[in-house]
PDB file of all heavy atoms in Angstrom:
ATOM      1  N   ASN A   1      88.037 121.579  83.688  1.00  0.00           N
ATOM      2  CA  ASN A   1      86.611 121.911  84.330  1.00  0.00           C
ATOM      3  C   ASN A   1      85.563 120.846  84.107  1.00  0.00           C
ATOM      4  O   ASN A   1      84.456 121.148  83.902  1.00  0.00           O
ATOM      5  CB  ASN A   1      86.191 123.335  83.957  1.00  0.00           C
ATOM      6  CG  ASN A   1      85.083 123.811  85.023  1.00  0.00           C
ATOM      7  OD1 ASN A   1      85.243 123.405  86.105  1.00  0.00           O
ATOM      8  ND2 ASN A   1      84.251 124.704  84.464  1.00  0.00           N
ATOM      9  N   VAL A   2      85.973 119.590  84.246  1.00  0.00           N
ATOM     10  CA  VAL A   2      85.090 118.481  84.125  1.00  0.00           C
ATOM     11  C   VAL A   2      84.652 117.953  85.458  1.00  0.00           C
ATOM     12  O   VAL A   2      85.496 117.793  86.326  1.00  0.00           O
ATOM     13  CB  VAL A   2      85.697 117.296  83.253  1.00  0.00           C
ATOM     14  CG1 VAL A   2      84.816 116.098  83.124  1.00  0.00           C
ATOM     15  CG2 VAL A   2      86.081 117.724  81.936  1.00  0.00           C
ATOM     16  N   TYR A   3      83.420 117.691  85.696  1.00  0.00           N
ATOM     17  CA  TYR A   3      83.039 117.193  86.945  1.00  0.00           C
ATOM     18  C   TYR A   3      83.263 115.690  87.079  1.00  0.00           C
ATOM     19  O   TYR A   3      83.141 114.896  86.044  1.00  0.00           O
ATOM     20  CB  TYR A   3      81.455 117.458  87.195  1.00  0.00           C
ATOM     21  CG  TYR A   3      81.097 118.809  87.342  1.00  0.00           C
ATOM     22  CD1 TYR A   3      80.504 119.548  86.387  1.00  0.00           C
ATOM     23  CD2 TYR A   3      81.430 119.433  88.599  1.00  0.00           C
ATOM     24  CE1 TYR A   3      80.173 120.919  86.648  1.00  0.00           C
ATOM     25  CE2 TYR A   3      81.168 120.849  88.835  1.00  0.00           C
ATOM     26  CZ  TYR A   3      80.472 121.623  87.837  1.00  0.00           C
ATOM     27  OH  TYR A   3      80.137 122.774  87.987  1.00  0.00           O
ATOM     28  N   ALA A   4      83.705 115.193  88.134  1.00  0.00           N
ATOM     29  CA  ALA A   4      83.863 113.818  88.578  1.00  0.00           C
ATOM     30  C   ALA A   4      83.451 113.590  89.905  1.00  0.00           C
ATOM     31  O   ALA A   4      83.778 114.499  90.811  1.00  0.00           O
ATOM     32  CB  ALA A   4      85.234 113.291  88.118  1.00  0.00           C
ATOM     33  N   ASP A   5      82.943 112.565  90.298  1.00  0.00           N
ATOM     34  CA  ASP A   5      82.554 112.248  91.726  1.00  0.00           C
ATOM     35  C   ASP A   5      82.767 110.725  91.849  1.00  0.00           C
ATOM     36  O   ASP A   5      82.700 109.857  90.905  1.00  0.00           O
ATOM     37  CB  ASP A   5      81.098 112.565  91.985  1.00  0.00           C
ATOM     38  CG  ASP A   5      80.776 112.501  93.415  1.00  0.00           C
ATOM     39  OD1 ASP A   5      81.291 113.345  94.202  1.00  0.00           O
ATOM     40  OD2 ASP A   5      80.043 111.580  93.779  1.00  0.00           O
ATOM     41  N   ASN A   6      83.106 110.311  93.203  1.00  0.00           N
ATOM     42  CA  ASN A   6      83.055 108.955  93.454  1.00  0.00           C
ATOM     43  C   ASN A   6      82.292 108.706  94.691  1.00  0.00           C
ATOM     44  O   ASN A   6      81.993 109.489  95.498  1.00  0.00           O
ATOM     45  CB  ASN A   6      84.584 108.584  93.651  1.00  0.00           C
ATOM     46  CG  ASN A   6      85.297 109.115  94.888  1.00  0.00           C
ATOM     47  OD1 ASN A   6      84.514 109.287  95.940  1.00  0.00           O
ATOM     48  ND2 ASN A   6      86.489 109.339  94.808  1.00  0.00           N
ATOM     49  N   GLN A   7      81.754 107.420  94.777  1.00  0.00           N
ATOM     50  CA  GLN A   7      80.973 107.015  95.820  1.00  0.00           C
ATOM     51  C   GLN A   7      81.474 105.659  96.252  1.00  0.00           C
ATOM     52  O   GLN A   7      81.950 104.787  95.520  1.00  0.00           O
ATOM     53  CB  GLN A   7      79.473 106.725  95.424  1.00  0.00           C
ATOM     54  CG  GLN A   7      78.774 107.937  94.736  1.00  0.00           C
ATOM     55  CD  GLN A   7      78.413 109.035  95.777  1.00  0.00           C
ATOM     56  OE1 GLN A   7      78.138 108.641  96.879  1.00  0.00           O
ATOM     57  NE2 GLN A   7      78.572 110.294  95.459  1.00  0.00           N
ATOM     58  N   LYS A   8      81.478 105.471  97.682  1.00  0.00           N
ATOM     59  CA  LYS A   8      82.004 104.198  98.217  1.00  0.00           C
ATOM     60  C   LYS A   8      80.738 103.465  98.755  1.00  0.00           C
ATOM     61  O   LYS A   8      80.004 104.087  99.437  1.00  0.00           O
ATOM     62  CB  LYS A   8      83.014 104.450  99.215  1.00  0.00           C
ATOM     63  CG  LYS A   8      83.439 103.168  99.905  1.00  0.00           C
ATOM     64  CD  LYS A   8      84.337 103.256 101.059  1.00  0.00           C
ATOM     65  CE  LYS A   8      84.641 102.081 101.680  1.00  0.00           C
ATOM     66  NZ  LYS A   8      85.343 102.140 103.142  1.00  0.00           N
ATOM     67  N   LEU A   9      80.582 102.309  98.369  1.00  0.00           N
ATOM     68  CA  LEU A   9      79.511 101.464  98.987  1.00  0.00           C
ATOM     69  C   LEU A   9      80.061 100.235  99.711  1.00  0.00           C
ATOM     70  O   LEU A   9      81.002  99.458  99.198  1.00  0.00           O
ATOM     71  CB  LEU A   9      78.679 100.718  97.774  1.00  0.00           C
ATOM     72  CG  LEU A   9      77.597 101.638  97.090  1.00  0.00           C
ATOM     73  CD1 LEU A   9      78.408 102.495  96.034  1.00  0.00           C
ATOM     74  CD2 LEU A   9      76.558 100.934  96.565  1.00  0.00           C
ATOM     75  N   ASP A  10      79.760 100.057 100.871  1.00  0.00           N
ATOM     76  CA  ASP A  10      80.099  98.963 101.734  1.00  0.00           C
ATOM     77  C   ASP A  10      79.024  98.244 102.264  1.00  0.00           C
ATOM     78  O   ASP A  10      78.137  98.718 102.943  1.00  0.00           O
ATOM     79  CB  ASP A  10      80.984  99.492 102.953  1.00  0.00           C
ATOM     80  CG  ASP A  10      81.671  98.444 103.778  1.00  0.00           C
ATOM     81  OD1 ASP A  10      81.188  97.188 103.651  1.00  0.00           O
ATOM     82  OD2 ASP A  10      82.484  98.835 104.598  1.00  0.00           O
ATOM     83  N   LYS A  11      78.877  96.987 101.827  1.00  0.00           N
ATOM     84  CA  LYS A  11      77.683  96.091 102.083  1.00  0.00           C
ATOM     85  C   LYS A  11      77.937  95.226 103.325  1.00  0.00           C
ATOM     86  O   LYS A  11      77.310  94.253 103.550  1.00  0.00           O
ATOM     87  CB  LYS A  11      77.338  95.328 100.911  1.00  0.00           C
ATOM     88  CG  LYS A  11      76.787  96.149  99.819  1.00  0.00           C
ATOM     89  CD  LYS A  11      76.137  95.365  98.750  1.00  0.00           C
ATOM     90  CE  LYS A  11      75.034  94.533  99.103  1.00  0.00           C
ATOM     91  NZ  LYS A  11      73.812  95.236  99.508  1.00  0.00           N
ATOM     92  N   ASN A  12      79.017  95.589 104.178  1.00  0.00           N
ATOM     93  CA  ASN A  12      79.364  94.639 105.302  1.00  0.00           C
ATOM     94  C   ASN A  12      78.250  94.382 106.167  1.00  0.00           C
ATOM     95  O   ASN A  12      78.006  93.347 106.551  1.00  0.00           O
ATOM     96  CB  ASN A  12      80.577  95.273 106.009  1.00  0.00           C
ATOM     97  CG  ASN A  12      81.330  94.259 106.894  1.00  0.00           C
ATOM     98  OD1 ASN A  12      81.306  93.139 106.554  1.00  0.00           O
ATOM     99  ND2 ASN A  12      81.665  94.667 108.197  1.00  0.00           N
ATOM    100  N   PHE A  13      77.477  95.309 106.654  1.00  0.00           N
ATOM    101  CA  PHE A  13      76.329  95.202 107.622  1.00  0.00           C
ATOM    102  C   PHE A  13      75.396  94.295 107.019  1.00  0.00           C
ATOM    103  O   PHE A  13      74.915  93.259 107.567  1.00  0.00           O
ATOM    104  CB  PHE A  13      75.721  96.581 107.962  1.00  0.00           C
ATOM    105  CG  PHE A  13      74.671  96.316 108.946  1.00  0.00           C
ATOM    106  CD1 PHE A  13      74.847  95.939 110.379  1.00  0.00           C
ATOM    107  CD2 PHE A  13      73.357  96.458 108.486  1.00  0.00           C
ATOM    108  CE1 PHE A  13      73.822  95.821 111.204  1.00  0.00           C
ATOM    109  CE2 PHE A  13      72.342  96.343 109.539  1.00  0.00           C
ATOM    110  CZ  PHE A  13      72.692  96.000 110.769  1.00  0.00           C
ATOM    111  N   PHE A  14      74.979  94.495 105.763  1.00  0.00           N
ATOM    112  CA  PHE A  14      73.848  93.583 105.086  1.00  0.00           C
ATOM    113  C   PHE A  14      74.652  92.268 104.857  1.00  0.00           C
ATOM    114  O   PHE A  14      73.853  91.239 105.164  1.00  0.00           O
ATOM    115  CB  PHE A  14      73.639  94.274 103.822  1.00  0.00           C
ATOM    116  CG  PHE A  14      72.897  93.198 102.816  1.00  0.00           C
ATOM    117  CD1 PHE A  14      71.498  93.048 102.962  1.00  0.00           C
ATOM    118  CD2 PHE A  14      73.561  92.694 101.786  1.00  0.00           C
ATOM    119  CE1 PHE A  14      70.734  92.263 102.239  1.00  0.00           C
ATOM    120  CE2 PHE A  14      72.830  91.704 101.038  1.00  0.00           C
ATOM    121  CZ  PHE A  14      71.386  91.499 101.157  1.00  0.00           C
ATOM    122  N   ARG A  15      75.794  92.055 104.415  1.00  0.00           N
ATOM    123  CA  ARG A  15      76.388  90.852 104.199  1.00  0.00           C
ATOM    124  C   ARG A  15      76.422  89.970 105.444  1.00  0.00           C
ATOM    125  O   ARG A  15      76.045  88.794 105.325  1.00  0.00           O
ATOM    126  CB  ARG A  15      77.878  91.096 103.677  1.00  0.00           C
ATOM    127  CG  ARG A  15      78.610  89.765 103.362  1.00  0.00           C
ATOM    128  CD  ARG A  15      80.128  89.936 103.191  1.00  0.00           C
ATOM    129  NE  ARG A  15      80.614  90.345 104.461  1.00  0.00           N
ATOM    130  CZ  ARG A  15      81.027  89.551 105.465  1.00  0.00           C
ATOM    131  NH1 ARG A  15      80.719  88.267 105.378  1.00  0.00           N
ATOM    132  NH2 ARG A  15      81.564  89.961 106.560  1.00  0.00           N
ATOM    133  N   LYS A  16      76.766  90.555 106.650  1.00  0.00           N
ATOM    134  CA  LYS A  16      76.769  89.761 107.895  1.00  0.00           C
ATOM    135  C   LYS A  16      75.394  89.121 108.058  1.00  0.00           C
ATOM    136  O   LYS A  16      75.203  87.898 108.385  1.00  0.00           O
ATOM    137  CB  LYS A  16      77.340  90.645 108.946  1.00  0.00           C
ATOM    138  CG  LYS A  16      77.085  89.958 110.317  1.00  0.00           C
ATOM    139  CD  LYS A  16      78.312  89.032 110.581  1.00  0.00           C
ATOM    140  CE  LYS A  16      78.212  88.751 112.034  1.00  0.00           C
ATOM    141  NZ  LYS A  16      77.908  87.335 112.305  1.00  0.00           N
ATOM    142  N   GLN A  17      74.388  89.874 108.078  1.00  0.00           N
ATOM    143  CA  GLN A  17      73.071  89.535 108.181  1.00  0.00           C
ATOM    144  C   GLN A  17      72.591  88.442 107.319  1.00  0.00           C
ATOM    145  O   GLN A  17      72.059  87.430 107.622  1.00  0.00           O
ATOM    146  CB  GLN A  17      72.053  90.667 108.239  1.00  0.00           C
ATOM    147  CG  GLN A  17      72.255  91.521 109.532  1.00  0.00           C
ATOM    148  CD  GLN A  17      71.260  92.612 109.414  1.00  0.00           C
ATOM    149  OE1 GLN A  17      70.775  93.084 108.528  1.00  0.00           O
ATOM    150  NE2 GLN A  17      70.895  93.299 110.582  1.00  0.00           N
ATOM    151  N   TYR A  18      72.867  88.701 106.015  1.00  0.00           N
ATOM    152  CA  TYR A  18      72.520  87.794 104.963  1.00  0.00           C
ATOM    153  C   TYR A  18      73.146  86.473 105.143  1.00  0.00           C
ATOM    154  O   TYR A  18      72.576  85.319 104.976  1.00  0.00           O
ATOM    155  CB  TYR A  18      72.716  88.413 103.519  1.00  0.00           C
ATOM    156  CG  TYR A  18      72.035  87.772 102.349  1.00  0.00           C
ATOM    157  CD1 TYR A  18      70.926  88.272 101.864  1.00  0.00           C
ATOM    158  CD2 TYR A  18      72.613  86.651 101.740  1.00  0.00           C
ATOM    159  CE1 TYR A  18      70.226  87.749 100.911  1.00  0.00           C
ATOM    160  CE2 TYR A  18      72.050  86.168 100.618  1.00  0.00           C
ATOM    161  CZ  TYR A  18      70.854  86.508 100.321  1.00  0.00           C
ATOM    162  OH  TYR A  18      70.115  85.991  99.273  1.00  0.00           O
ATOM    163  N   ASN A  19      74.503  86.558 105.371  1.00  0.00           N
ATOM    164  CA  ASN A  19      75.322  85.232 105.452  1.00  0.00           C
ATOM    165  C   ASN A  19      74.801  84.522 106.722  1.00  0.00           C
ATOM    166  O   ASN A  19      74.712  83.313 106.574  1.00  0.00           O
ATOM    167  CB  ASN A  19      76.738  85.704 105.584  1.00  0.00           C
ATOM    168  CG  ASN A  19      77.687  84.531 105.463  1.00  0.00           C
ATOM    169  OD1 ASN A  19      77.257  83.459 104.984  1.00  0.00           O
ATOM    170  ND2 ASN A  19      78.858  84.687 105.945  1.00  0.00           N
ATOM    171  N   ASP A  20      74.485  85.156 107.849  1.00  0.00           N
ATOM    172  CA  ASP A  20      74.066  84.369 108.958  1.00  0.00           C
ATOM    173  C   ASP A  20      72.765  83.677 108.808  1.00  0.00           C
ATOM    174  O   ASP A  20      72.423  82.685 109.327  1.00  0.00           O
ATOM    175  CB  ASP A  20      73.879  85.435 110.194  1.00  0.00           C
ATOM    176  CG  ASP A  20      75.230  85.769 110.776  1.00  0.00           C
ATOM    177  OD1 ASP A  20      76.278  85.267 110.302  1.00  0.00           O
ATOM    178  OD2 ASP A  20      75.223  86.726 111.564  1.00  0.00           O
ATOM    179  N   ARG A  21      71.905  84.411 107.892  1.00  0.00           N
ATOM    180  CA  ARG A  21      70.541  83.735 107.670  1.00  0.00           C
ATOM    181  C   ARG A  21      70.502  82.678 106.507  1.00  0.00           C
ATOM    182  O   ARG A  21      69.831  81.743 106.650  1.00  0.00           O
ATOM    183  CB  ARG A  21      69.611  84.815 107.444  1.00  0.00           C
ATOM    184  CG  ARG A  21      68.171  84.392 107.192  1.00  0.00           C
ATOM    185  CD  ARG A  21      67.129  85.487 107.181  1.00  0.00           C
ATOM    186  NE  ARG A  21      65.831  84.958 107.070  1.00  0.00           N
ATOM    187  CZ  ARG A  21      64.856  85.587 106.889  1.00  0.00           C
ATOM    188  NH1 ARG A  21      64.808  86.890 106.816  1.00  0.00           N
ATOM    189  NH2 ARG A  21      63.605  84.993 106.801  1.00  0.00           N
ATOM    190  N   PHE A  22      71.290  83.020 105.432  1.00  0.00           N
ATOM    191  CA  PHE A  22      71.075  82.092 104.178  1.00  0.00           C
ATOM    192  C   PHE A  22      72.291  81.339 103.963  1.00  0.00           C
ATOM    193  O   PHE A  22      72.258  80.381 103.080  1.00  0.00           O
ATOM    194  CB  PHE A  22      70.782  83.048 103.034  1.00  0.00           C
ATOM    195  CG  PHE A  22      69.382  83.666 103.249  1.00  0.00           C
ATOM    196  CD1 PHE A  22      69.416  85.128 103.378  1.00  0.00           C
ATOM    197  CD2 PHE A  22      68.200  83.091 103.138  1.00  0.00           C
ATOM    198  CE1 PHE A  22      68.038  85.759 103.629  1.00  0.00           C
ATOM    199  CE2 PHE A  22      66.983  83.744 103.305  1.00  0.00           C
ATOM    200  CZ  PHE A  22      66.965  85.051 103.497  1.00  0.00           C
ATOM    201  N   GLY A  23      73.402  81.669 104.560  1.00  0.00           N
ATOM    202  CA  GLY A  23      74.712  80.923 104.304  1.00  0.00           C
ATOM    203  C   GLY A  23      75.576  81.555 103.278  1.00  0.00           C
ATOM    204  O   GLY A  23      75.319  82.436 102.591  1.00  0.00           O
ATOM    205  N   HIS A  24      76.845  81.164 103.293  1.00  0.00           N
ATOM    206  CA  HIS A  24      77.847  81.732 102.452  1.00  0.00           C
ATOM    207  C   HIS A  24      77.671  81.644 101.032  1.00  0.00           C
ATOM    208  O   HIS A  24      77.950  82.639 100.288  1.00  0.00           O
ATOM    209  CB  HIS A  24      79.245  81.232 102.925  1.00  0.00           C
ATOM    210  CG  HIS A  24      80.451  81.686 102.198  1.00  0.00           C
ATOM    211  ND1 HIS A  24      80.825  82.922 102.569  1.00  0.00           N
ATOM    212  CD2 HIS A  24      81.204  81.298 101.217  1.00  0.00           C
ATOM    213  CE1 HIS A  24      81.840  83.330 101.818  1.00  0.00           C
ATOM    214  NE2 HIS A  24      82.119  82.308 101.050  1.00  0.00           N
ATOM    215  N   ILE A  25      77.152  80.430 100.561  1.00  0.00           N
ATOM    216  CA  ILE A  25      77.011  80.298  99.135  1.00  0.00           C
ATOM    217  C   ILE A  25      75.923  81.285  98.553  1.00  0.00           C
ATOM    218  O   ILE A  25      76.123  81.943  97.475  1.00  0.00           O
ATOM    219  CB  ILE A  25      76.758  78.812  98.805  1.00  0.00           C
ATOM    220  CG1 ILE A  25      77.887  77.954  99.157  1.00  0.00           C
ATOM    221  CG2 ILE A  25      76.230  78.703  97.288  1.00  0.00           C
ATOM    222  CD1 ILE A  25      77.762  76.443  99.000  1.00  0.00           C
ATOM    223  N   SER A  26      74.892  81.375  99.320  1.00  0.00           N
ATOM    224  CA  SER A  26      73.734  82.340  98.930  1.00  0.00           C
ATOM    225  C   SER A  26      74.207  83.677  98.996  1.00  0.00           C
ATOM    226  O   SER A  26      73.931  84.531  98.065  1.00  0.00           O
ATOM    227  CB  SER A  26      72.601  82.108  99.870  1.00  0.00           C
ATOM    228  OG  SER A  26      72.027  80.969  99.718  1.00  0.00           O
ATOM    229  N   GLU A  27      75.077  84.041  99.930  1.00  0.00           N
ATOM    230  CA  GLU A  27      75.664  85.396 100.085  1.00  0.00           C
ATOM    231  C   GLU A  27      76.503  85.736  98.886  1.00  0.00           C
ATOM    232  O   GLU A  27      76.462  86.823  98.308  1.00  0.00           O
ATOM    233  CB  GLU A  27      76.446  85.529 101.388  1.00  0.00           C
ATOM    234  CG  GLU A  27      77.000  86.980 101.511  1.00  0.00           C
ATOM    235  CD  GLU A  27      78.477  86.921 101.925  1.00  0.00           C
ATOM    236  OE1 GLU A  27      78.899  85.871 102.442  1.00  0.00           O
ATOM    237  OE2 GLU A  27      79.181  87.897 101.669  1.00  0.00           O
ATOM    238  N   ASP A  28      77.310  84.767  98.400  1.00  0.00           N
ATOM    239  CA  ASP A  28      78.204  84.980  97.297  1.00  0.00           C
ATOM    240  C   ASP A  28      77.340  85.288  95.982  1.00  0.00           C
ATOM    241  O   ASP A  28      77.655  86.191  95.137  1.00  0.00           O
ATOM    242  CB  ASP A  28      79.051  83.759  97.003  1.00  0.00           C
ATOM    243  CG  ASP A  28      80.221  83.579  97.998  1.00  0.00           C
ATOM    244  OD1 ASP A  28      80.530  84.611  98.685  1.00  0.00           O
ATOM    245  OD2 ASP A  28      80.927  82.560  97.963  1.00  0.00           O
ATOM    246  N   GLN A  29      76.240  84.495  95.824  1.00  0.00           N
ATOM    247  CA  GLN A  29      75.356  84.767  94.660  1.00  0.00           C
ATOM    248  C   GLN A  29      74.662  86.148  94.796  1.00  0.00           C
ATOM    249  O   GLN A  29      74.616  86.850  93.841  1.00  0.00           O
ATOM    250  CB  GLN A  29      74.403  83.732  94.622  1.00  0.00           C
ATOM    251  CG  GLN A  29      73.345  83.760  93.433  1.00  0.00           C
ATOM    252  CD  GLN A  29      74.120  83.853  92.050  1.00  0.00           C
ATOM    253  OE1 GLN A  29      74.873  83.144  91.872  1.00  0.00           O
ATOM    254  NE2 GLN A  29      73.671  84.825  91.350  1.00  0.00           N
ATOM    255  N   CYS A  30      74.202  86.493  95.896  1.00  0.00           N
ATOM    256  CA  CYS A  30      73.669  87.740  96.230  1.00  0.00           C
ATOM    257  C   CYS A  30      74.687  88.891  95.799  1.00  0.00           C
ATOM    258  O   CYS A  30      74.258  89.874  95.124  1.00  0.00           O
ATOM    259  CB  CYS A  30      73.149  87.919  97.611  1.00  0.00           C
ATOM    260  SG  CYS A  30      72.514  89.617  97.967  1.00  0.00           S
ATOM    261  N   LEU A  31      75.875  88.712  96.231  1.00  0.00           N
ATOM    262  CA  LEU A  31      76.883  89.756  95.991  1.00  0.00           C
ATOM    263  C   LEU A  31      77.252  89.857  94.448  1.00  0.00           C
ATOM    264  O   LEU A  31      77.348  90.974  93.914  1.00  0.00           O
ATOM    265  CB  LEU A  31      78.260  89.431  96.671  1.00  0.00           C
ATOM    266  CG  LEU A  31      79.249  90.442  96.676  1.00  0.00           C
ATOM    267  CD1 LEU A  31      78.853  91.806  97.285  1.00  0.00           C
ATOM    268  CD2 LEU A  31      80.487  89.936  97.396  1.00  0.00           C
ATOM    269  N   ARG A  32      77.168  88.759  93.664  1.00  0.00           N
ATOM    270  CA  ARG A  32      77.431  88.765  92.276  1.00  0.00           C
ATOM    271  C   ARG A  32      76.219  89.521  91.557  1.00  0.00           C
ATOM    272  O   ARG A  32      76.437  90.163  90.624  1.00  0.00           O
ATOM    273  CB  ARG A  32      77.576  87.281  91.743  1.00  0.00           C
ATOM    274  CG  ARG A  32      78.937  86.770  91.899  1.00  0.00           C
ATOM    275  CD  ARG A  32      79.202  85.432  91.177  1.00  0.00           C
ATOM    276  NE  ARG A  32      78.351  84.444  91.620  1.00  0.00           N
ATOM    277  CZ  ARG A  32      78.589  83.551  92.664  1.00  0.00           C
ATOM    278  NH1 ARG A  32      79.786  83.745  93.241  1.00  0.00           N
ATOM    279  NH2 ARG A  32      77.826  82.631  92.960  1.00  0.00           N
ATOM    280  N   THR A  33      74.986  89.153  92.057  1.00  0.00           N
ATOM    281  CA  THR A  33      73.856  89.775  91.541  1.00  0.00           C
ATOM    282  C   THR A  33      73.981  91.439  91.706  1.00  0.00           C
ATOM    283  O   THR A  33      73.613  92.151  90.908  1.00  0.00           O
ATOM    284  CB  THR A  33      72.584  89.274  92.122  1.00  0.00           C
ATOM    285  OG1 THR A  33      72.448  87.872  91.780  1.00  0.00           O
ATOM    286  CG2 THR A  33      71.395  89.877  91.531  1.00  0.00           C
ATOM    287  N   PHE A  34      74.197  91.755  93.002  1.00  0.00           N
ATOM    288  CA  PHE A  34      74.410  93.205  93.264  1.00  0.00           C
ATOM    289  C   PHE A  34      75.524  93.826  92.462  1.00  0.00           C
ATOM    290  O   PHE A  34      75.241  94.882  91.909  1.00  0.00           O
ATOM    291  CB  PHE A  34      74.703  93.317  94.752  1.00  0.00           C
ATOM    292  CG  PHE A  34      74.924  94.807  95.214  1.00  0.00           C
ATOM    293  CD1 PHE A  34      73.774  95.519  95.297  1.00  0.00           C
ATOM    294  CD2 PHE A  34      76.150  95.223  95.552  1.00  0.00           C
ATOM    295  CE1 PHE A  34      73.931  96.864  95.702  1.00  0.00           C
ATOM    296  CE2 PHE A  34      76.197  96.583  95.983  1.00  0.00           C
ATOM    297  CZ  PHE A  34      75.149  97.380  96.014  1.00  0.00           C
ATOM    298  N   ALA A  35      76.659  93.185  92.235  1.00  0.00           N
ATOM    299  CA  ALA A  35      77.612  93.741  91.424  1.00  0.00           C
ATOM    300  C   ALA A  35      77.244  93.932  89.934  1.00  0.00           C
ATOM    301  O   ALA A  35      77.554  94.920  89.381  1.00  0.00           O
ATOM    302  CB  ALA A  35      78.958  92.865  91.512  1.00  0.00           C
ATOM    303  N   GLY A  36      76.428  92.942  89.544  1.00  0.00           N
ATOM    304  CA  GLY A  36      75.935  93.005  88.080  1.00  0.00           C
ATOM    305  C   GLY A  36      75.037  94.232  87.942  1.00  0.00           C
ATOM    306  O   GLY A  36      75.006  95.014  87.117  1.00  0.00           O
ATOM    307  N   PHE A  37      74.114  94.510  89.062  1.00  0.00           N
ATOM    308  CA  PHE A  37      73.286  95.645  89.107  1.00  0.00           C
ATOM    309  C   PHE A  37      74.036  96.928  89.140  1.00  0.00           C
ATOM    310  O   PHE A  37      73.766  97.821  88.315  1.00  0.00           O
ATOM    311  CB  PHE A  37      72.398  95.678  90.376  1.00  0.00           C
ATOM    312  CG  PHE A  37      71.835  96.872  90.643  1.00  0.00           C
ATOM    313  CD1 PHE A  37      70.669  97.323  89.921  1.00  0.00           C
ATOM    314  CD2 PHE A  37      72.295  97.577  91.775  1.00  0.00           C
ATOM    315  CE1 PHE A  37      70.031  98.530  90.318  1.00  0.00           C
ATOM    316  CE2 PHE A  37      71.738  98.885  91.984  1.00  0.00           C
ATOM    317  CZ  PHE A  37      70.611  99.329  91.275  1.00  0.00           C
ATOM    318  N   LEU A  38      74.990  97.001  89.923  1.00  0.00           N
ATOM    319  CA  LEU A  38      75.911  98.199  90.011  1.00  0.00           C
ATOM    320  C   LEU A  38      76.570  98.549  88.593  1.00  0.00           C
ATOM    321  O   LEU A  38      76.625  99.536  88.136  1.00  0.00           O
ATOM    322  CB  LEU A  38      76.940  98.082  91.043  1.00  0.00           C
ATOM    323  CG  LEU A  38      76.379  98.232  92.401  1.00  0.00           C
ATOM    324  CD1 LEU A  38      77.588  98.040  93.443  1.00  0.00           C
ATOM    325  CD2 LEU A  38      75.730  99.554  92.773  1.00  0.00           C
ATOM    326  N   LYS A  39      77.069  97.468  87.967  1.00  0.00           N
ATOM    327  CA  LYS A  39      77.865  97.524  86.644  1.00  0.00           C
ATOM    328  C   LYS A  39      76.898  98.094  85.689  1.00  0.00           C
ATOM    329  O   LYS A  39      77.266  98.976  84.923  1.00  0.00           O
ATOM    330  CB  LYS A  39      78.293  96.187  86.372  1.00  0.00           C
ATOM    331  CG  LYS A  39      79.173  96.220  84.996  1.00  0.00           C
ATOM    332  CD  LYS A  39      79.769  94.718  84.701  1.00  0.00           C
ATOM    333  CE  LYS A  39      80.490  94.843  83.408  1.00  0.00           C
ATOM    334  NZ  LYS A  39      80.957  93.477  83.149  1.00  0.00           N
ATOM    335  N   LYS A  40      75.625  97.588  85.630  1.00  0.00           N
ATOM    336  CA  LYS A  40      74.763  98.053  84.607  1.00  0.00           C
ATOM    337  C   LYS A  40      74.481  99.490  84.846  1.00  0.00           C
ATOM    338  O   LYS A  40      74.412 100.526  84.008  1.00  0.00           O
ATOM    339  CB  LYS A  40      73.381  97.201  84.634  1.00  0.00           C
ATOM    340  CG  LYS A  40      72.504  97.680  83.625  1.00  0.00           C
ATOM    341  CD  LYS A  40      71.230  96.773  83.750  1.00  0.00           C
ATOM    342  CE  LYS A  40      70.090  97.336  82.725  1.00  0.00           C
ATOM    343  NZ  LYS A  40      68.944  96.543  82.841  1.00  0.00           N
ATOM    344  N   GLU A  41      74.130  99.911  86.127  1.00  0.00           N
ATOM    345  CA  GLU A  41      73.843 101.271  86.584  1.00  0.00           C
ATOM    346  C   GLU A  41      74.859 102.271  86.242  1.00  0.00           C
ATOM    347  O   GLU A  41      74.722 103.278  85.672  1.00  0.00           O
ATOM    348  CB  GLU A  41      73.479 101.454  87.910  1.00  0.00           C
ATOM    349  CG  GLU A  41      72.211 100.737  88.314  1.00  0.00           C
ATOM    350  CD  GLU A  41      70.889 101.627  87.926  1.00  0.00           C
ATOM    351  OE1 GLU A  41      71.087 102.868  87.959  1.00  0.00           O
ATOM    352  OE2 GLU A  41      69.877 101.004  87.417  1.00  0.00           O
ATOM    353  N   VAL A  42      76.100 101.749  86.492  1.00  0.00           N
ATOM    354  CA  VAL A  42      77.318 102.757  86.223  1.00  0.00           C
ATOM    355  C   VAL A  42      77.559 102.787  84.785  1.00  0.00           C
ATOM    356  O   VAL A  42      77.910 103.835  84.259  1.00  0.00           O
ATOM    357  CB  VAL A  42      78.511 102.214  87.039  1.00  0.00           C
ATOM    358  CG1 VAL A  42      79.872 102.834  86.628  1.00  0.00           C
ATOM    359  CG2 VAL A  42      78.360 102.204  88.561  1.00  0.00           C
ATOM    360  N   GLN A  43      77.653 101.733  84.059  1.00  0.00           N
ATOM    361  CA  GLN A  43      77.801 101.914  82.555  1.00  0.00           C
ATOM    362  C   GLN A  43      76.739 102.615  81.935  1.00  0.00           C
ATOM    363  O   GLN A  43      77.116 103.391  80.911  1.00  0.00           O
ATOM    364  CB  GLN A  43      77.818 100.479  81.923  1.00  0.00           C
ATOM    365  CG  GLN A  43      78.983  99.650  82.219  1.00  0.00           C
ATOM    366  CD  GLN A  43      78.967  98.184  81.748  1.00  0.00           C
ATOM    367  OE1 GLN A  43      77.927  97.705  81.401  1.00  0.00           O
ATOM    368  NE2 GLN A  43      80.118  97.505  81.563  1.00  0.00           N
TER     369      GLN A  43
END
């Protein structure tokens, strides 16, 4: 009787706009920063 939940995040819409405006390298850095934020929040 332990609660567990999962959430799915899909940044595809954001990623496309960001990549078109700032380029692929900037988008990769943004994604790494976002992943670090999520990791900290989840931990």
